[in-house]
Amino acid sequence: MSDVVNLRRARKDRDRRRREGEAAENRAKFGRGKVEKLTTQAQDALETRRLDGHRLESPADPDSDSST
């Protein structure tokens, strides 16, 4: 025979594991220092500049109205 399971305890354990997983994700996402954030931001900017530098055509400027 199997053991008797307290459903309230099982539900609380399940919720606790889910919250721990979310907390781990948030620590990885938001628990970085200022230097790490600035480094990531600089790398993203560099990647964007490199990607834009390899464009065949420049995108149309949405602010200018060339139809008038």
PDB file of N, CA and C in Angstrom:
ATOM      1  N   MET A   1       0.835  -1.184   0.000  1.00  0.00           N
ATOM      2  CA  MET A   1       0.000   0.000   0.000  1.00  0.00           C
ATOM      3  C   MET A   1       0.881   1.249   0.000  1.00  0.00           C
ATOM      4  N   SER A   2       0.327   2.303  -0.488  1.00  0.00           N
ATOM      5  CA  SER A   2       1.080   3.544  -0.546  1.00  0.00           C
ATOM      6  C   SER A   2       0.837   4.378   0.712  1.00  0.00           C
ATOM      7  N   ASP A   3       1.677   5.366   0.884  1.00  0.00           N
ATOM      8  CA  ASP A   3       1.567   6.223   2.057  1.00  0.00           C
ATOM      9  C   ASP A   3       0.431   7.222   1.885  1.00  0.00           C
ATOM     10  N   VAL A   4      -0.117   7.647   2.981  1.00  0.00           N
ATOM     11  CA  VAL A   4      -1.165   8.652   2.977  1.00  0.00           C
ATOM     12  C   VAL A   4      -0.504  10.019   2.771  1.00  0.00           C
ATOM     13  N   VAL A   5      -1.059  10.801   1.857  1.00  0.00           N
ATOM     14  CA  VAL A   5      -0.495  12.094   1.528  1.00  0.00           C
ATOM     15  C   VAL A   5      -1.455  13.183   2.001  1.00  0.00           C
ATOM     16  N   ASN A   6      -0.938  14.111   2.760  1.00  0.00           N
ATOM     17  CA  ASN A   6      -1.724  15.253   3.184  1.00  0.00           C
ATOM     18  C   ASN A   6      -1.746  16.243   2.017  1.00  0.00           C
ATOM     19  N   LEU A   7      -2.922  16.446   1.422  1.00  0.00           N
ATOM     20  CA  LEU A   7      -3.030  17.285   0.229  1.00  0.00           C
ATOM     21  C   LEU A   7      -2.670  18.740   0.521  1.00  0.00           C
ATOM     22  N   ARG A   8      -3.015  19.226   1.686  1.00  0.00           N
ATOM     23  CA  ARG A   8      -2.668  20.600   2.049  1.00  0.00           C
ATOM     24  C   ARG A   8      -1.152  20.756   2.069  1.00  0.00           C
ATOM     25  N   ARG A   9      -0.445  19.804   2.672  1.00  0.00           N
ATOM     26  CA  ARG A   9       1.016  19.854   2.749  1.00  0.00           C
ATOM     27  C   ARG A   9       1.625  19.733   1.345  1.00  0.00           C
ATOM     28  N   ALA A  10       1.059  18.848   0.510  1.00  0.00           N
ATOM     29  CA  ALA A  10       1.574  18.670  -0.850  1.00  0.00           C
ATOM     30  C   ALA A  10       1.386  19.950  -1.655  1.00  0.00           C
ATOM     31  N   ARG A  11       0.242  20.607  -1.491  1.00  0.00           N
ATOM     32  CA  ARG A  11      -0.029  21.850  -2.213  1.00  0.00           C
ATOM     33  C   ARG A  11       0.935  22.952  -1.755  1.00  0.00           C
ATOM     34  N   LYS A  12       1.167  23.038  -0.464  1.00  0.00           N
ATOM     35  CA  LYS A  12       2.101  24.038   0.052  1.00  0.00           C
ATOM     36  C   LYS A  12       3.517  23.773  -0.440  1.00  0.00           C
ATOM     37  N   ASP A  13       3.922  22.515  -0.476  1.00  0.00           N
ATOM     38  CA  ASP A  13       5.260  22.168  -0.972  1.00  0.00           C
ATOM     39  C   ASP A  13       5.406  22.528  -2.444  1.00  0.00           C
ATOM     40  N   ARG A  14       4.353  22.253  -3.223  1.00  0.00           N
ATOM     41  CA  ARG A  14       4.377  22.576  -4.648  1.00  0.00           C
ATOM     42  C   ARG A  14       4.499  24.086  -4.846  1.00  0.00           C
ATOM     43  N   ASP A  15       3.707  24.847  -4.108  1.00  0.00           N
ATOM     44  CA  ASP A  15       3.761  26.303  -4.227  1.00  0.00           C
ATOM     45  C   ASP A  15       5.111  26.849  -3.785  1.00  0.00           C
ATOM     46  N   ARG A  16       5.679  26.268  -2.746  1.00  0.00           N
ATOM     47  CA  ARG A  16       6.979  26.713  -2.258  1.00  0.00           C
ATOM     48  C   ARG A  16       8.064  26.480  -3.316  1.00  0.00           C
ATOM     49  N   ARG A  17       8.032  25.329  -3.967  1.00  0.00           N
ATOM     50  CA  ARG A  17       9.009  25.043  -5.028  1.00  0.00           C
ATOM     51  C   ARG A  17       8.851  26.022  -6.189  1.00  0.00           C
ATOM     52  N   ARG A  18       7.606  26.353  -6.532  1.00  0.00           N
ATOM     53  CA  ARG A  18       7.353  27.286  -7.621  1.00  0.00           C
ATOM     54  C   ARG A  18       7.896  28.675  -7.256  1.00  0.00           C
ATOM     55  N   ARG A  19       7.643  29.117  -6.027  1.00  0.00           N
ATOM     56  CA  ARG A  19       8.148  30.431  -5.598  1.00  0.00           C
ATOM     57  C   ARG A  19       9.670  30.452  -5.561  1.00  0.00           C
ATOM     58  N   GLU A  20      10.280  29.353  -5.134  1.00  0.00           N
ATOM     59  CA  GLU A  20      11.740  29.283  -5.106  1.00  0.00           C
ATOM     60  C   GLU A  20      12.312  29.386  -6.521  1.00  0.00           C
ATOM     61  N   GLY A  21      11.644  28.752  -7.476  1.00  0.00           N
ATOM     62  CA  GLY A  21      12.080  28.841  -8.868  1.00  0.00           C
ATOM     63  C   GLY A  21      11.978  30.255  -9.405  1.00  0.00           C
ATOM     64  N   GLU A  22      10.868  30.924  -9.099  1.00  0.00           N
ATOM     65  CA  GLU A  22      10.696  32.313  -9.535  1.00  0.00           C
ATOM     66  C   GLU A  22      11.722  33.220  -8.871  1.00  0.00           C
ATOM     67  N   ALA A  23      12.007  32.959  -7.602  1.00  0.00           N
ATOM     68  CA  ALA A  23      12.997  33.776  -6.885  1.00  0.00           C
ATOM     69  C   ALA A  23      14.375  33.596  -7.520  1.00  0.00           C
ATOM     70  N   ALA A  24      14.705  32.385  -7.910  1.00  0.00           N
ATOM     71  CA  ALA A  24      16.003  32.140  -8.547  1.00  0.00           C
ATOM     72  C   ALA A  24      16.093  32.884  -9.880  1.00  0.00           C
ATOM     73  N   GLU A  25      14.996  32.884 -10.647  1.00  0.00           N
ATOM     74  CA  GLU A  25      14.981  33.621 -11.913  1.00  0.00           C
ATOM     75  C   GLU A  25      15.156  35.112 -11.674  1.00  0.00           C
ATOM     76  N   ASN A  26      14.467  35.642 -10.665  1.00  0.00           N
ATOM     77  CA  ASN A  26      14.565  37.069 -10.371  1.00  0.00           C
ATOM     78  C   ASN A  26      15.949  37.444  -9.872  1.00  0.00           C
ATOM     79  N   ARG A  27      16.583  36.564  -9.102  1.00  0.00           N
ATOM     80  CA  ARG A  27      17.947  36.842  -8.652  1.00  0.00           C
ATOM     81  C   ARG A  27      18.881  36.924  -9.842  1.00  0.00           C
ATOM     82  N   ALA A  28      18.699  36.035 -10.801  1.00  0.00           N
ATOM     83  CA  ALA A  28      19.554  36.055 -11.987  1.00  0.00           C
ATOM     84  C   ALA A  28      19.262  37.287 -12.841  1.00  0.00           C
ATOM     85  N   LYS A  29      18.009  37.698 -12.866  1.00  0.00           N
ATOM     86  CA  LYS A  29      17.610  38.804 -13.720  1.00  0.00           C
ATOM     87  C   LYS A  29      17.937  40.159 -13.109  1.00  0.00           C
ATOM     88  N   PHE A  30      17.647  40.335 -11.821  1.00  0.00           N
ATOM     89  CA  PHE A  30      17.760  41.639 -11.196  1.00  0.00           C
ATOM     90  C   PHE A  30      18.885  41.738 -10.179  1.00  0.00           C
ATOM     91  N   GLY A  31      19.467  40.643  -9.794  1.00  0.00           N
ATOM     92  CA  GLY A  31      20.471  40.659  -8.740  1.00  0.00           C
ATOM     93  C   GLY A  31      21.875  40.863  -9.257  1.00  0.00           C
ATOM     94  N   ARG A  32      22.041  41.817 -10.151  1.00  0.00           N
ATOM     95  CA  ARG A  32      23.353  42.096 -10.708  1.00  0.00           C
ATOM     96  C   ARG A  32      23.839  43.442 -10.218  1.00  0.00           C
ATOM     97  N   GLY A  33      25.129  43.588 -10.164  1.00  0.00           N
ATOM     98  CA  GLY A  33      25.720  44.846  -9.728  1.00  0.00           C
ATOM     99  C   GLY A  33      25.711  45.884 -10.828  1.00  0.00           C
ATOM    100  N   LYS A  34      26.071  47.096 -10.464  1.00  0.00           N
ATOM    101  CA  LYS A  34      26.061  48.195 -11.411  1.00  0.00           C
ATOM    102  C   LYS A  34      27.030  47.962 -12.558  1.00  0.00           C
ATOM    103  N   VAL A  35      28.200  47.436 -12.245  1.00  0.00           N
ATOM    104  CA  VAL A  35      29.211  47.190 -13.279  1.00  0.00           C
ATOM    105  C   VAL A  35      28.714  46.139 -14.270  1.00  0.00           C
ATOM    106  N   GLU A  36      28.082  45.090 -13.761  1.00  0.00           N
ATOM    107  CA  GLU A  36      27.563  44.053 -14.648  1.00  0.00           C
ATOM    108  C   GLU A  36      26.463  44.603 -15.545  1.00  0.00           C
ATOM    109  N   LYS A  37      25.586  45.441 -14.981  1.00  0.00           N
ATOM    110  CA  LYS A  37      24.517  46.034 -15.780  1.00  0.00           C
ATOM    111  C   LYS A  37      25.091  46.931 -16.869  1.00  0.00           C
ATOM    112  N   LEU A  38      26.079  47.754 -16.516  1.00  0.00           N
ATOM    113  CA  LEU A  38      26.684  48.650 -17.507  1.00  0.00           C
ATOM    114  C   LEU A  38      27.424  47.869 -18.585  1.00  0.00           C
ATOM    115  N   THR A  39      28.090  46.785 -18.187  1.00  0.00           N
ATOM    116  CA  THR A  39      28.794  45.947 -19.159  1.00  0.00           C
ATOM    117  C   THR A  39      27.817  45.323 -20.142  1.00  0.00           C
ATOM    118  N   THR A  40      26.716  44.801 -19.640  1.00  0.00           N
ATOM    119  CA  THR A  40      25.700  44.196 -20.502  1.00  0.00           C
ATOM    120  C   THR A  40      25.106  45.238 -21.433  1.00  0.00           C
ATOM    121  N   GLN A  41      24.839  46.423 -20.898  1.00  0.00           N
ATOM    122  CA  GLN A  41      24.282  47.494 -21.709  1.00  0.00           C
ATOM    123  C   GLN A  41      25.257  47.901 -22.816  1.00  0.00           C
ATOM    124  N   ALA A  42      26.529  47.985 -22.505  1.00  0.00           N
ATOM    125  CA  ALA A  42      27.534  48.346 -23.502  1.00  0.00           C
ATOM    126  C   ALA A  42      27.658  47.259 -24.571  1.00  0.00           C
ATOM    127  N   GLN A  43      27.600  46.009 -24.171  1.00  0.00           N
ATOM    128  CA  GLN A  43      27.675  44.912 -25.135  1.00  0.00           C
ATOM    129  C   GLN A  43      26.466  44.924 -26.064  1.00  0.00           C
ATOM    130  N   ASP A  44      25.286  45.181 -25.501  1.00  0.00           N
ATOM    131  CA  ASP A  44      24.086  45.248 -26.329  1.00  0.00           C
ATOM    132  C   ASP A  44      24.172  46.395 -27.331  1.00  0.00           C
ATOM    133  N   ALA A  45      24.679  47.538 -26.887  1.00  0.00           N
ATOM    134  CA  ALA A  45      24.823  48.684 -27.782  1.00  0.00           C
ATOM    135  C   ALA A  45      25.818  48.371 -28.897  1.00  0.00           C
ATOM    136  N   LEU A  46      26.913  47.709 -28.559  1.00  0.00           N
ATOM    137  CA  LEU A  46      27.915  47.343 -29.556  1.00  0.00           C
ATOM    138  C   LEU A  46      27.335  46.379 -30.583  1.00  0.00           C
ATOM    139  N   GLU A  47      26.581  45.393 -30.115  1.00  0.00           N
ATOM    140  CA  GLU A  47      25.958  44.440 -31.032  1.00  0.00           C
ATOM    141  C   GLU A  47      24.969  45.131 -31.950  1.00  0.00           C
ATOM    142  N   THR A  48      24.219  46.084 -31.416  1.00  0.00           N
ATOM    143  CA  THR A  48      23.253  46.821 -32.227  1.00  0.00           C
ATOM    144  C   THR A  48      23.961  47.650 -33.287  1.00  0.00           C
ATOM    145  N   ARG A  49      25.051  48.325 -32.907  1.00  0.00           N
ATOM    146  CA  ARG A  49      25.808  49.121 -33.881  1.00  0.00           C
ATOM    147  C   ARG A  49      26.394  48.230 -34.972  1.00  0.00           C
ATOM    148  N   ARG A  50      26.911  47.089 -34.581  1.00  0.00           N
ATOM    149  CA  ARG A  50      27.486  46.171 -35.582  1.00  0.00           C
ATOM    150  C   ARG A  50      26.417  45.677 -36.539  1.00  0.00           C
ATOM    151  N   LEU A  51      25.261  45.322 -35.989  1.00  0.00           N
ATOM    152  CA  LEU A  51      24.179  44.822 -36.825  1.00  0.00           C
ATOM    153  C   LEU A  51      23.697  45.918 -37.770  1.00  0.00           C
ATOM    154  N   ASP A  52      23.520  47.126 -37.251  1.00  0.00           N
ATOM    155  CA  ASP A  52      23.083  48.234 -38.094  1.00  0.00           C
ATOM    156  C   ASP A  52      24.138  48.586 -39.132  1.00  0.00           C
ATOM    157  N   GLY A  53      25.395  48.399 -38.831  1.00  0.00           N
ATOM    158  CA  GLY A  53      26.463  48.683 -39.782  1.00  0.00           C
ATOM    159  C   GLY A  53      26.483  47.731 -40.961  1.00  0.00           C
ATOM    160  N   HIS A  54      25.880  46.579 -40.812  1.00  0.00           N
ATOM    161  CA  HIS A  54      25.857  45.585 -41.879  1.00  0.00           C
ATOM    162  C   HIS A  54      24.570  45.635 -42.695  1.00  0.00           C
ATOM    163  N   ARG A  55      23.732  46.618 -42.431  1.00  0.00           N
ATOM    164  CA  ARG A  55      22.492  46.741 -43.199  1.00  0.00           C
ATOM    165  C   ARG A  55      22.812  47.120 -44.637  1.00  0.00           C
ATOM    166  N   LEU A  56      22.033  46.604 -45.564  1.00  0.00           N
ATOM    167  CA  LEU A  56      22.202  46.952 -46.963  1.00  0.00           C
ATOM    168  C   LEU A  56      21.569  48.296 -47.260  1.00  0.00           C
ATOM    169  N   GLU A  57      20.429  48.577 -46.643  1.00  0.00           N
ATOM    170  CA  GLU A  57      19.753  49.858 -46.806  1.00  0.00           C
ATOM    171  C   GLU A  57      19.449  50.399 -45.418  1.00  0.00           C
ATOM    172  N   SER A  58      19.482  51.709 -45.299  1.00  0.00           N
ATOM    173  CA  SER A  58      19.113  52.286 -44.013  1.00  0.00           C
ATOM    174  C   SER A  58      17.590  52.313 -43.927  1.00  0.00           C
ATOM    175  N   PRO A  59      17.047  52.103 -42.735  1.00  0.00           N
ATOM    176  CA  PRO A  59      15.582  52.104 -42.611  1.00  0.00           C
ATOM    177  C   PRO A  59      15.030  53.499 -42.858  1.00  0.00           C
ATOM    178  N   ALA A  60      13.799  53.570 -43.346  1.00  0.00           N
ATOM    179  CA  ALA A  60      13.159  54.848 -43.604  1.00  0.00           C
ATOM    180  C   ALA A  60      12.929  55.567 -42.279  1.00  0.00           C
ATOM    181  N   ASP A  61      13.141  56.870 -42.306  1.00  0.00           N
ATOM    182  CA  ASP A  61      12.964  57.671 -41.107  1.00  0.00           C
ATOM    183  C   ASP A  61      11.455  57.896 -40.891  1.00  0.00           C
ATOM    184  N   PRO A  62      10.878  57.366 -39.808  1.00  0.00           N
ATOM    185  CA  PRO A  62       9.434  57.499 -39.610  1.00  0.00           C
ATOM    186  C   PRO A  62       9.028  58.920 -39.245  1.00  0.00           C
ATOM    187  N   ASP A  63       9.967  59.770 -38.802  1.00  0.00           N
ATOM    188  CA  ASP A  63       9.620  61.128 -38.417  1.00  0.00           C
ATOM    189  C   ASP A  63       9.476  62.042 -39.621  1.00  0.00           C
ATOM    190  N   SER A  64      10.240  61.785 -40.671  1.00  0.00           N
ATOM    191  CA  SER A  64      10.164  62.659 -41.832  1.00  0.00           C
ATOM    192  C   SER A  64       8.998  62.236 -42.708  1.00  0.00           C
ATOM    193  N   ASP A  65       8.321  63.235 -43.240  1.00  0.00           N
ATOM    194  CA  ASP A  65       7.162  62.971 -44.107  1.00  0.00           C
ATOM    195  C   ASP A  65       7.561  63.331 -45.533  1.00  0.00           C
ATOM    196  N   SER A  66       8.046  62.356 -46.277  1.00  0.00           N
ATOM    197  CA  SER A  66       8.541  62.612 -47.629  1.00  0.00           C
ATOM    198  C   SER A  66       7.434  62.657 -48.674  1.00  0.00           C
ATOM    199  N   SER A  67       6.184  62.372 -48.295  1.00  0.00           N
ATOM    200  CA  SER A  67       5.088  62.353 -49.254  1.00  0.00           C
ATOM    201  C   SER A  67       4.580  63.744 -49.574  1.00  0.00           C
ATOM    202  N   THR A  68       4.883  64.760 -48.765  1.00  0.00           N
ATOM    203  CA  THR A  68       4.376  66.113 -49.042  1.00  0.00           C
ATOM    204  C   THR A  68       5.424  66.963 -49.682  1.00  0.00           C
TER     205      THR A  68
END
